[in-house]
Protein backbone atom coordinates (compact mmCIF):
# COMPACT_ATOMS: atom_id res chain seq x y z
CA MET A 1 33.57 67.55 23.43
CA ALA A 2 29.96 68.56 22.80
CA GLU A 3 29.09 72.04 21.63
CA TRP A 4 26.06 73.41 23.43
CA SER A 5 23.73 76.13 22.16
CA GLN A 6 20.48 77.96 22.78
CA GLN A 7 18.56 74.95 21.43
CA ASP A 8 19.91 72.76 24.26
CA VAL A 9 19.05 75.10 27.14
CA HIS A 10 15.62 76.22 28.31
CA LYS A 11 14.07 78.16 31.17
CA HIS A 12 13.96 76.56 34.61
CA MET A 13 16.79 74.06 34.00
CA HIS A 14 18.90 73.60 37.14
CA VAL A 15 22.56 74.65 36.89
CA TYR A 16 25.33 72.96 38.89
CA SER A 17 29.02 73.72 39.29
CA SER A 18 31.77 71.17 38.65
CA ASP A 19 31.82 70.53 42.41
CA HIS A 20 28.06 69.74 42.25
CA GLU A 21 26.86 72.88 44.01
CA GLY A 22 23.48 74.14 42.82
CA LEU A 23 23.99 77.59 41.30
CA GLY A 24 20.39 78.37 40.40
CA HIS A 25 18.14 77.95 37.41
CA VAL A 26 18.09 79.23 33.86
CA GLU A 27 16.10 82.45 33.63
CA GLU A 28 16.62 82.97 29.89
CA ALA A 29 18.60 81.43 27.01
CA TYR A 30 20.27 83.65 24.41
CA GLU A 31 22.26 83.00 21.25
CA ASP A 32 25.61 83.27 23.03
CA SER A 33 24.88 82.59 26.71
CA PHE A 34 22.21 81.84 29.29
CA LYS A 35 21.15 83.82 32.33
CA ILE A 36 21.15 82.46 35.86
CA ALA A 37 18.93 84.67 38.01
CA LYS A 38 20.32 86.21 41.16
CA GLY A 39 19.59 84.32 44.34
CA LEU A 40 21.41 82.73 47.26
CA ILE A 41 24.61 81.91 45.34
CA PHE A 42 24.77 84.86 42.96
CA HIS A 43 23.93 88.29 44.32
CA LYS A 44 23.35 89.54 40.78
CA ASP A 45 22.31 87.92 37.52
CA ARG A 46 25.07 85.98 35.71
CA TYR A 47 25.36 85.26 32.01
CA ILE A 48 27.17 81.98 31.40
CA PRO A 49 28.60 81.22 27.94
CA TYR A 50 27.66 77.85 26.47
CA SER A 51 31.36 76.97 26.33
CA ALA A 52 31.25 76.63 30.16
CA ILE A 53 28.85 73.65 29.96
CA THR A 54 30.25 70.18 30.53
CA SER A 55 27.04 68.21 30.13
CA ILE A 56 23.27 68.44 29.96
CA ASP A 57 21.05 65.67 31.29
CA LYS A 58 17.31 66.30 31.10
CA ASP A 59 16.78 69.45 33.22
CA ARG A 60 20.30 69.52 34.68
CA ILE A 61 23.22 71.59 33.36
CA GLN A 62 26.69 70.75 34.65
CA LEU A 63 29.35 73.46 34.27
CA THR A 64 33.13 73.17 33.87
CA LEU A 65 33.53 75.79 36.63
CA SER A 66 33.61 75.25 40.37
CA ALA A 67 31.10 77.26 42.40
CA GLU A 68 33.87 79.54 43.62
CA VAL A 69 35.17 80.27 40.12
CA ALA A 70 31.64 80.84 38.82
CA LYS A 71 31.07 83.42 41.57
CA GLU A 72 34.35 85.18 40.76
CA LYS A 73 33.71 85.49 37.01
CA GLU A 74 32.43 88.89 36.03
CA TRP A 75 29.74 87.67 33.69
CA ASP A 76 27.13 90.08 35.03
CA LEU A 77 26.63 91.68 31.61
CA ARG A 78 25.43 89.80 28.57
CA PRO A 79 27.42 90.37 25.38
CA ASP A 80 25.51 93.00 23.41
CA TYR A 81 26.40 92.15 19.83
CA GLU A 82 22.91 92.94 18.56
CA ASN A 83 23.09 96.62 19.55
CA HIS A 84 26.85 97.15 19.34
CA PRO A 85 28.24 94.93 16.57
CA GLY A 86 32.00 95.28 16.43
CA ASP A 87 32.11 97.60 19.45
CA PRO A 88 35.74 97.34 20.66
CA THR A 89 34.79 97.88 24.30
CA GLN A 90 32.22 95.07 24.23
CA LEU A 91 34.59 92.76 22.36
CA LEU A 92 37.43 93.44 24.80
CA TYR A 93 35.13 92.69 27.74
CA ASP A 94 33.94 89.45 26.16
CA ARG A 95 37.39 88.21 25.21
CA GLY A 96 38.61 88.88 28.73
CA HIS A 97 35.82 86.76 30.18
CA GLY A 98 35.96 83.75 27.90
CA VAL A 99 32.90 84.64 25.83
CA HIS A 100 33.01 83.40 22.24
CA ASP A 101 33.37 86.32 19.84
CA PRO A 102 31.44 85.70 16.61
CA PHE A 103 33.18 88.68 14.99
CA ASP A 104 36.74 87.54 15.76
CA GLU A 105 38.36 87.19 12.34
CA THR A 106 41.46 85.63 13.88
CA ASN A 107 39.36 82.73 15.21
CA THR A 108 40.68 79.59 13.54
CA ASP A 109 37.71 77.54 14.72
CA ALA A 110 35.54 78.40 11.70
CA GLU A 111 32.81 75.89 12.60
CA ARG A 112 31.72 77.83 15.69
CA VAL A 113 28.96 80.30 15.13
């Protein structure tokens, strides 16, 4: 399974759910996630972790999530490690929403950064 990162994602790429529904376009790419701007599908901005990507083909990102699941996820806040490193509230939020935690010392997957 491929590991995707900020180097693979750029502004204006089109994002699709696993059921091929267009979710929007990439507004911004960050170290840990990318932002899909609010629009018809999302009524507020969403920050999607790179671990939710199945494939990337040119300007198309395919997610592992169905459109319905993507709408239900509460990824409306980007992890804020830069300003709150080790903040237990931020870490708890992230872990509960499937966001990779770079400060998780119990993480046995040492290759992930």
